[in-house]
Amino acid sequence: MTWRVPLAEGAIDAAEHALAADRDDEELYRRLMQLQIAVGRTYAAKGVFRELEAHLSEIDAEPAEESARLLRQ
């Protein structure tokens, strides 16, 4: 294990806490998705995207193309 994984885990925890406090900030969802992808957890990033889709559907909105693009990289 390298030092980057524990550092990323801390960043993931911080992003999850920030997102819990502000579910309306799509940038926070993207940041969490990026962090999950960076540590090889594409499945987790897809889960975050599904959460974003569900949240936005409540207000008849869709994720920005930038958010969807993260999963296609």
PDB file of N, CA and C in Angstrom:
ATOM      1  N   MET A   1       0.853  -1.180   0.000  1.00  0.00           N
ATOM      2  CA  MET A   1       0.000   0.000   0.000  1.00  0.00           C
ATOM      3  C   MET A   1       0.896   1.239   0.000  1.00  0.00           C
ATOM      4  N   THR A   2       0.560   2.159  -0.833  1.00  0.00           N
ATOM      5  CA  THR A   2       1.337   3.388  -0.880  1.00  0.00           C
ATOM      6  C   THR A   2       0.702   4.433   0.011  1.00  0.00           C
ATOM      7  N   TRP A   3       1.390   5.518   0.220  1.00  0.00           N
ATOM      8  CA  TRP A   3       0.856   6.604   1.050  1.00  0.00           C
ATOM      9  C   TRP A   3      -0.340   7.270   0.400  1.00  0.00           C
ATOM     10  N   ARG A   4      -0.490   7.117  -0.900  1.00  0.00           N
ATOM     11  CA  ARG A   4      -1.577   7.784  -1.609  1.00  0.00           C
ATOM     12  C   ARG A   4      -2.950   7.211  -1.260  1.00  0.00           C
ATOM     13  N   VAL A   5      -3.018   5.906  -1.031  1.00  0.00           N
ATOM     14  CA  VAL A   5      -4.313   5.301  -0.730  1.00  0.00           C
ATOM     15  C   VAL A   5      -4.880   5.847   0.585  1.00  0.00           C
ATOM     16  N   PRO A   6      -4.113   5.859   1.686  1.00  0.00           N
ATOM     17  CA  PRO A   6      -4.673   6.445   2.908  1.00  0.00           C
ATOM     18  C   PRO A   6      -5.023   7.927   2.728  1.00  0.00           C
ATOM     19  N   LEU A   7      -4.229   8.639   1.978  1.00  0.00           N
ATOM     20  CA  LEU A   7      -4.525  10.044   1.711  1.00  0.00           C
ATOM     21  C   LEU A   7      -5.839  10.169   0.939  1.00  0.00           C
ATOM     22  N   ALA A   8      -6.015   9.317  -0.049  1.00  0.00           N
ATOM     23  CA  ALA A   8      -7.255   9.331  -0.831  1.00  0.00           C
ATOM     24  C   ALA A   8      -8.443   8.942   0.044  1.00  0.00           C
ATOM     25  N   GLU A   9      -8.258   7.986   0.939  1.00  0.00           N
ATOM     26  CA  GLU A   9      -9.347   7.580   1.836  1.00  0.00           C
ATOM     27  C   GLU A   9      -9.800   8.756   2.695  1.00  0.00           C
ATOM     28  N   GLY A  10      -8.846   9.537   3.180  1.00  0.00           N
ATOM     29  CA  GLY A  10      -9.194  10.723   3.956  1.00  0.00           C
ATOM     30  C   GLY A  10      -9.947  11.741   3.118  1.00  0.00           C
ATOM     31  N   ALA A  11      -9.531  11.899   1.883  1.00  0.00           N
ATOM     32  CA  ALA A  11     -10.209  12.834   0.980  1.00  0.00           C
ATOM     33  C   ALA A  11     -11.614  12.336   0.649  1.00  0.00           C
ATOM     34  N   ILE A  12     -11.761  11.028   0.480  1.00  0.00           N
ATOM     35  CA  ILE A  12     -13.082  10.453   0.216  1.00  0.00           C
ATOM     36  C   ILE A  12     -13.999  10.699   1.406  1.00  0.00           C
ATOM     37  N   ASP A  13     -13.498  10.457   2.611  1.00  0.00           N
ATOM     38  CA  ASP A  13     -14.296  10.714   3.817  1.00  0.00           C
ATOM     39  C   ASP A  13     -14.725  12.168   3.887  1.00  0.00           C
ATOM     40  N   ALA A  14     -13.805  13.078   3.616  1.00  0.00           N
ATOM     41  CA  ALA A  14     -14.118  14.509   3.664  1.00  0.00           C
ATOM     42  C   ALA A  14     -15.163  14.870   2.608  1.00  0.00           C
ATOM     43  N   ALA A  15     -15.026  14.315   1.407  1.00  0.00           N
ATOM     44  CA  ALA A  15     -15.986  14.602   0.343  1.00  0.00           C
ATOM     45  C   ALA A  15     -17.367  14.059   0.700  1.00  0.00           C
ATOM     46  N   GLU A  16     -17.409  12.873   1.307  1.00  0.00           N
ATOM     47  CA  GLU A  16     -18.698  12.302   1.719  1.00  0.00           C
ATOM     48  C   GLU A  16     -19.368  13.169   2.780  1.00  0.00           C
ATOM     49  N   HIS A  17     -18.583  13.678   3.732  1.00  0.00           N
ATOM     50  CA  HIS A  17     -19.132  14.556   4.770  1.00  0.00           C
ATOM     51  C   HIS A  17     -19.641  15.862   4.160  1.00  0.00           C
ATOM     52  N   ALA A  18     -18.881  16.415   3.246  1.00  0.00           N
ATOM     53  CA  ALA A  18     -19.295  17.662   2.595  1.00  0.00           C
ATOM     54  C   ALA A  18     -20.574  17.443   1.799  1.00  0.00           C
ATOM     55  N   LEU A  19     -20.667  16.318   1.120  1.00  0.00           N
ATOM     56  CA  LEU A  19     -21.848  16.014   0.321  1.00  0.00           C
ATOM     57  C   LEU A  19     -23.069  15.805   1.212  1.00  0.00           C
ATOM     58  N   ALA A  20     -22.870  15.185   2.360  1.00  0.00           N
ATOM     59  CA  ALA A  20     -23.986  14.990   3.290  1.00  0.00           C
ATOM     60  C   ALA A  20     -24.540  16.330   3.764  1.00  0.00           C
ATOM     61  N   ALA A  21     -23.669  17.325   3.836  1.00  0.00           N
ATOM     62  CA  ALA A  21     -24.087  18.654   4.290  1.00  0.00           C
ATOM     63  C   ALA A  21     -24.712  19.483   3.176  1.00  0.00           C
ATOM     64  N   ASP A  22     -24.390  19.149   1.927  1.00  0.00           N
ATOM     65  CA  ASP A  22     -24.889  19.951   0.802  1.00  0.00           C
ATOM     66  C   ASP A  22     -25.171  19.061  -0.400  1.00  0.00           C
ATOM     67  N   ARG A  23     -26.320  18.430  -0.417  1.00  0.00           N
ATOM     68  CA  ARG A  23     -26.699  17.508  -1.487  1.00  0.00           C
ATOM     69  C   ARG A  23     -26.993  18.213  -2.806  1.00  0.00           C
ATOM     70  N   ASP A  24     -27.054  19.534  -2.789  1.00  0.00           N
ATOM     71  CA  ASP A  24     -27.378  20.269  -4.014  1.00  0.00           C
ATOM     72  C   ASP A  24     -26.155  20.680  -4.825  1.00  0.00           C
ATOM     73  N   ASP A  25     -24.961  20.387  -4.338  1.00  0.00           N
ATOM     74  CA  ASP A  25     -23.735  20.816  -5.011  1.00  0.00           C
ATOM     75  C   ASP A  25     -23.207  19.699  -5.912  1.00  0.00           C
ATOM     76  N   GLU A  26     -23.515  19.776  -7.190  1.00  0.00           N
ATOM     77  CA  GLU A  26     -23.104  18.729  -8.124  1.00  0.00           C
ATOM     78  C   GLU A  26     -21.586  18.599  -8.201  1.00  0.00           C
ATOM     79  N   GLU A  27     -20.875  19.672  -7.981  1.00  0.00           N
ATOM     80  CA  GLU A  27     -19.406  19.609  -7.990  1.00  0.00           C
ATOM     81  C   GLU A  27     -18.895  18.666  -6.896  1.00  0.00           C
ATOM     82  N   LEU A  28     -19.560  18.626  -5.759  1.00  0.00           N
ATOM     83  CA  LEU A  28     -19.158  17.706  -4.691  1.00  0.00           C
ATOM     84  C   LEU A  28     -19.346  16.247  -5.127  1.00  0.00           C
ATOM     85  N   TYR A  29     -20.430  15.973  -5.833  1.00  0.00           N
ATOM     86  CA  TYR A  29     -20.630  14.623  -6.367  1.00  0.00           C
ATOM     87  C   TYR A  29     -19.495  14.272  -7.326  1.00  0.00           C
ATOM     88  N   ARG A  30     -19.144  15.217  -8.197  1.00  0.00           N
ATOM     89  CA  ARG A  30     -18.062  14.961  -9.162  1.00  0.00           C
ATOM     90  C   ARG A  30     -16.737  14.727  -8.452  1.00  0.00           C
ATOM     91  N   ARG A  31     -16.458  15.518  -7.442  1.00  0.00           N
ATOM     92  CA  ARG A  31     -15.195  15.356  -6.699  1.00  0.00           C
ATOM     93  C   ARG A  31     -15.137  13.964  -6.075  1.00  0.00           C
ATOM     94  N   LEU A  32     -16.228  13.540  -5.462  1.00  0.00           N
ATOM     95  CA  LEU A  32     -16.263  12.215  -4.850  1.00  0.00           C
ATOM     96  C   LEU A  32     -16.106  11.131  -5.913  1.00  0.00           C
ATOM     97  N   MET A  33     -16.746  11.295  -7.050  1.00  0.00           N
ATOM     98  CA  MET A  33     -16.589  10.338  -8.138  1.00  0.00           C
ATOM     99  C   MET A  33     -15.128  10.275  -8.599  1.00  0.00           C
ATOM    100  N   GLN A  34     -14.500  11.423  -8.741  1.00  0.00           N
ATOM    101  CA  GLN A  34     -13.098  11.462  -9.181  1.00  0.00           C
ATOM    102  C   GLN A  34     -12.197  10.736  -8.186  1.00  0.00           C
ATOM    103  N   LEU A  35     -12.432  10.957  -6.908  1.00  0.00           N
ATOM    104  CA  LEU A  35     -11.619  10.304  -5.877  1.00  0.00           C
ATOM    105  C   LEU A  35     -11.823   8.792  -5.904  1.00  0.00           C
ATOM    106  N   GLN A  36     -13.069   8.362  -6.054  1.00  0.00           N
ATOM    107  CA  GLN A  36     -13.338   6.921  -6.101  1.00  0.00           C
ATOM    108  C   GLN A  36     -12.660   6.293  -7.324  1.00  0.00           C
ATOM    109  N   ILE A  37     -12.723   6.961  -8.450  1.00  0.00           N
ATOM    110  CA  ILE A  37     -12.068   6.459  -9.663  1.00  0.00           C
ATOM    111  C   ILE A  37     -10.560   6.410  -9.467  1.00  0.00           C
ATOM    112  N   ALA A  38     -10.002   7.410  -8.808  1.00  0.00           N
ATOM    113  CA  ALA A  38      -8.551   7.479  -8.604  1.00  0.00           C
ATOM    114  C   ALA A  38      -8.016   6.296  -7.801  1.00  0.00           C
ATOM    115  N   VAL A  39      -8.832   5.735  -6.909  1.00  0.00           N
ATOM    116  CA  VAL A  39      -8.382   4.582  -6.125  1.00  0.00           C
ATOM    117  C   VAL A  39      -8.914   3.270  -6.690  1.00  0.00           C
ATOM    118  N   GLY A  40      -9.434   3.329  -7.931  1.00  0.00           N
ATOM    119  CA  GLY A  40      -9.844   2.115  -8.607  1.00  0.00           C
ATOM    120  C   GLY A  40     -11.237   1.619  -8.260  1.00  0.00           C
ATOM    121  N   ARG A  41     -12.053   2.475  -7.695  1.00  0.00           N
ATOM    122  CA  ARG A  41     -13.410   2.073  -7.306  1.00  0.00           C
ATOM    123  C   ARG A  41     -14.447   2.654  -8.267  1.00  0.00           C
ATOM    124  N   THR A  42     -14.379   2.201  -9.482  1.00  0.00           N
ATOM    125  CA  THR A  42     -15.329   2.675 -10.485  1.00  0.00           C
ATOM    126  C   THR A  42     -16.761   2.347 -10.068  1.00  0.00           C
ATOM    127  N   TYR A  43     -16.945   1.182  -9.455  1.00  0.00           N
ATOM    128  CA  TYR A  43     -18.275   0.789  -8.993  1.00  0.00           C
ATOM    129  C   TYR A  43     -18.833   1.796  -7.996  1.00  0.00           C
ATOM    130  N   ALA A  44     -17.983   2.315  -7.120  1.00  0.00           N
ATOM    131  CA  ALA A  44     -18.416   3.301  -6.125  1.00  0.00           C
ATOM    132  C   ALA A  44     -18.749   4.628  -6.812  1.00  0.00           C
ATOM    133  N   ALA A  45     -17.953   4.994  -7.805  1.00  0.00           N
ATOM    134  CA  ALA A  45     -18.225   6.226  -8.556  1.00  0.00           C
ATOM    135  C   ALA A  45     -19.564   6.126  -9.271  1.00  0.00           C
ATOM    136  N   LYS A  46     -19.872   4.947  -9.800  1.00  0.00           N
ATOM    137  CA  LYS A  46     -21.168   4.745 -10.455  1.00  0.00           C
ATOM    138  C   LYS A  46     -22.303   4.874  -9.449  1.00  0.00           C
ATOM    139  N   GLY A  47     -22.065   4.409  -8.230  1.00  0.00           N
ATOM    140  CA  GLY A  47     -23.068   4.544  -7.182  1.00  0.00           C
ATOM    141  C   GLY A  47     -23.314   5.996  -6.826  1.00  0.00           C
ATOM    142  N   VAL A  48     -22.253   6.777  -6.760  1.00  0.00           N
ATOM    143  CA  VAL A  48     -22.379   8.209  -6.478  1.00  0.00           C
ATOM    144  C   VAL A  48     -23.162   8.882  -7.606  1.00  0.00           C
ATOM    145  N   PHE A  49     -22.870   8.479  -8.840  1.00  0.00           N
ATOM    146  CA  PHE A  49     -23.593   9.061  -9.979  1.00  0.00           C
ATOM    147  C   PHE A  49     -25.080   8.723  -9.899  1.00  0.00           C
ATOM    148  N   ARG A  50     -25.403   7.487  -9.519  1.00  0.00           N
ATOM    149  CA  ARG A  50     -26.813   7.106  -9.381  1.00  0.00           C
ATOM    150  C   ARG A  50     -27.497   7.935  -8.286  1.00  0.00           C
ATOM    151  N   GLU A  51     -26.769   8.194  -7.194  1.00  0.00           N
ATOM    152  CA  GLU A  51     -27.310   9.056  -6.141  1.00  0.00           C
ATOM    153  C   GLU A  51     -27.588  10.462  -6.679  1.00  0.00           C
ATOM    154  N   LEU A  52     -26.657  10.974  -7.474  1.00  0.00           N
ATOM    155  CA  LEU A  52     -26.834  12.291  -8.086  1.00  0.00           C
ATOM    156  C   LEU A  52     -28.054  12.303  -8.992  1.00  0.00           C
ATOM    157  N   GLU A  53     -28.178  11.276  -9.840  1.00  0.00           N
ATOM    158  CA  GLU A  53     -29.337  11.190 -10.734  1.00  0.00           C
ATOM    159  C   GLU A  53     -30.640  11.176  -9.936  1.00  0.00           C
ATOM    160  N   ALA A  54     -30.682  10.384  -8.881  1.00  0.00           N
ATOM    161  CA  ALA A  54     -31.898  10.277  -8.074  1.00  0.00           C
ATOM    162  C   ALA A  54     -32.232  11.613  -7.419  1.00  0.00           C
ATOM    163  N   HIS A  55     -31.206  12.269  -6.893  1.00  0.00           N
ATOM    164  CA  HIS A  55     -31.434  13.564  -6.246  1.00  0.00           C
ATOM    165  C   HIS A  55     -31.957  14.591  -7.250  1.00  0.00           C
ATOM    166  N   LEU A  56     -31.329  14.649  -8.390  1.00  0.00           N
ATOM    167  CA  LEU A  56     -31.744  15.632  -9.393  1.00  0.00           C
ATOM    168  C   LEU A  56     -33.111  15.316  -9.993  1.00  0.00           C
ATOM    169  N   SER A  57     -33.456  14.041 -10.058  1.00  0.00           N
ATOM    170  CA  SER A  57     -34.763  13.688 -10.618  1.00  0.00           C
ATOM    171  C   SER A  57     -35.901  14.232  -9.756  1.00  0.00           C
ATOM    172  N   GLU A  58     -35.631  14.435  -8.475  1.00  0.00           N
ATOM    173  CA  GLU A  58     -36.635  14.997  -7.581  1.00  0.00           C
ATOM    174  C   GLU A  58     -37.019  16.421  -7.977  1.00  0.00           C
ATOM    175  N   ILE A  59     -36.129  17.082  -8.694  1.00  0.00           N
ATOM    176  CA  ILE A  59     -36.405  18.456  -9.129  1.00  0.00           C
ATOM    177  C   ILE A  59     -36.462  18.545 -10.661  1.00  0.00           C
ATOM    178  N   ASP A  60     -36.733  17.401 -11.291  1.00  0.00           N
ATOM    179  CA  ASP A  60     -36.829  17.323 -12.757  1.00  0.00           C
ATOM    180  C   ASP A  60     -35.591  17.867 -13.460  1.00  0.00           C
ATOM    181  N   ALA A  61     -34.440  17.482 -12.961  1.00  0.00           N
ATOM    182  CA  ALA A  61     -33.170  17.901 -13.563  1.00  0.00           C
ATOM    183  C   ALA A  61     -32.339  16.650 -13.852  1.00  0.00           C
ATOM    184  N   GLU A  62     -31.304  16.824 -14.637  1.00  0.00           N
ATOM    185  CA  GLU A  62     -30.383  15.744 -14.975  1.00  0.00           C
ATOM    186  C   GLU A  62     -28.959  16.180 -14.661  1.00  0.00           C
ATOM    187  N   PRO A  63     -28.073  15.210 -14.436  1.00  0.00           N
ATOM    188  CA  PRO A  63     -26.674  15.557 -14.192  1.00  0.00           C
ATOM    189  C   PRO A  63     -26.067  16.286 -15.392  1.00  0.00           C
ATOM    190  N   ALA A  64     -25.126  17.144 -15.112  1.00  0.00           N
ATOM    191  CA  ALA A  64     -24.395  17.838 -16.168  1.00  0.00           C
ATOM    192  C   ALA A  64     -23.575  16.825 -16.963  1.00  0.00           C
ATOM    193  N   GLU A  65     -23.332  17.145 -18.210  1.00  0.00           N
ATOM    194  CA  GLU A  65     -22.530  16.277 -19.081  1.00  0.00           C
ATOM    195  C   GLU A  65     -21.167  15.999 -18.444  1.00  0.00           C
ATOM    196  N   GLU A  66     -20.614  16.978 -17.783  1.00  0.00           N
ATOM    197  CA  GLU A  66     -19.308  16.809 -17.131  1.00  0.00           C
ATOM    198  C   GLU A  66     -19.339  15.682 -16.116  1.00  0.00           C
ATOM    199  N   SER A  67     -20.441  15.538 -15.413  1.00  0.00           N
ATOM    200  CA  SER A  67     -20.570  14.449 -14.419  1.00  0.00           C
ATOM    201  C   SER A  67     -20.652  13.096 -15.116  1.00  0.00           C
ATOM    202  N   ALA A  68     -21.467  12.996 -16.145  1.00  0.00           N
ATOM    203  CA  ALA A  68     -21.606  11.747 -16.882  1.00  0.00           C
ATOM    204  C   ALA A  68     -20.300  11.338 -17.554  1.00  0.00           C
ATOM    205  N   ARG A  69     -19.564  12.322 -18.032  1.00  0.00           N
ATOM    206  CA  ARG A  69     -18.305  12.066 -18.735  1.00  0.00           C
ATOM    207  C   ARG A  69     -17.272  11.363 -17.851  1.00  0.00           C
ATOM    208  N   LEU A  70     -17.310  11.625 -16.554  1.00  0.00           N
ATOM    209  CA  LEU A  70     -16.354  10.995 -15.645  1.00  0.00           C
ATOM    210  C   LEU A  70     -16.428   9.465 -15.724  1.00  0.00           C
ATOM    211  N   LEU A  71     -17.617   8.946 -15.898  1.00  0.00           N
ATOM    212  CA  LEU A  71     -17.789   7.494 -15.938  1.00  0.00           C
ATOM    213  C   LEU A  71     -17.390   6.890 -17.273  1.00  0.00           C
ATOM    214  N   ARG A  72     -17.274   7.722 -18.287  1.00  0.00           N
ATOM    215  CA  ARG A  72     -16.903   7.221 -19.623  1.00  0.00           C
ATOM    216  C   ARG A  72     -15.406   7.290 -19.877  1.00  0.00           C
ATOM    217  N   GLN A  73     -14.666   7.822 -18.961  1.00  0.00           N
ATOM    218  CA  GLN A  73     -13.212   7.956 -19.170  1.00  0.00           C
ATOM    219  C   GLN A  73     -12.508   6.629 -19.086  1.00  0.00           C
TER     220      GLN A  73
END
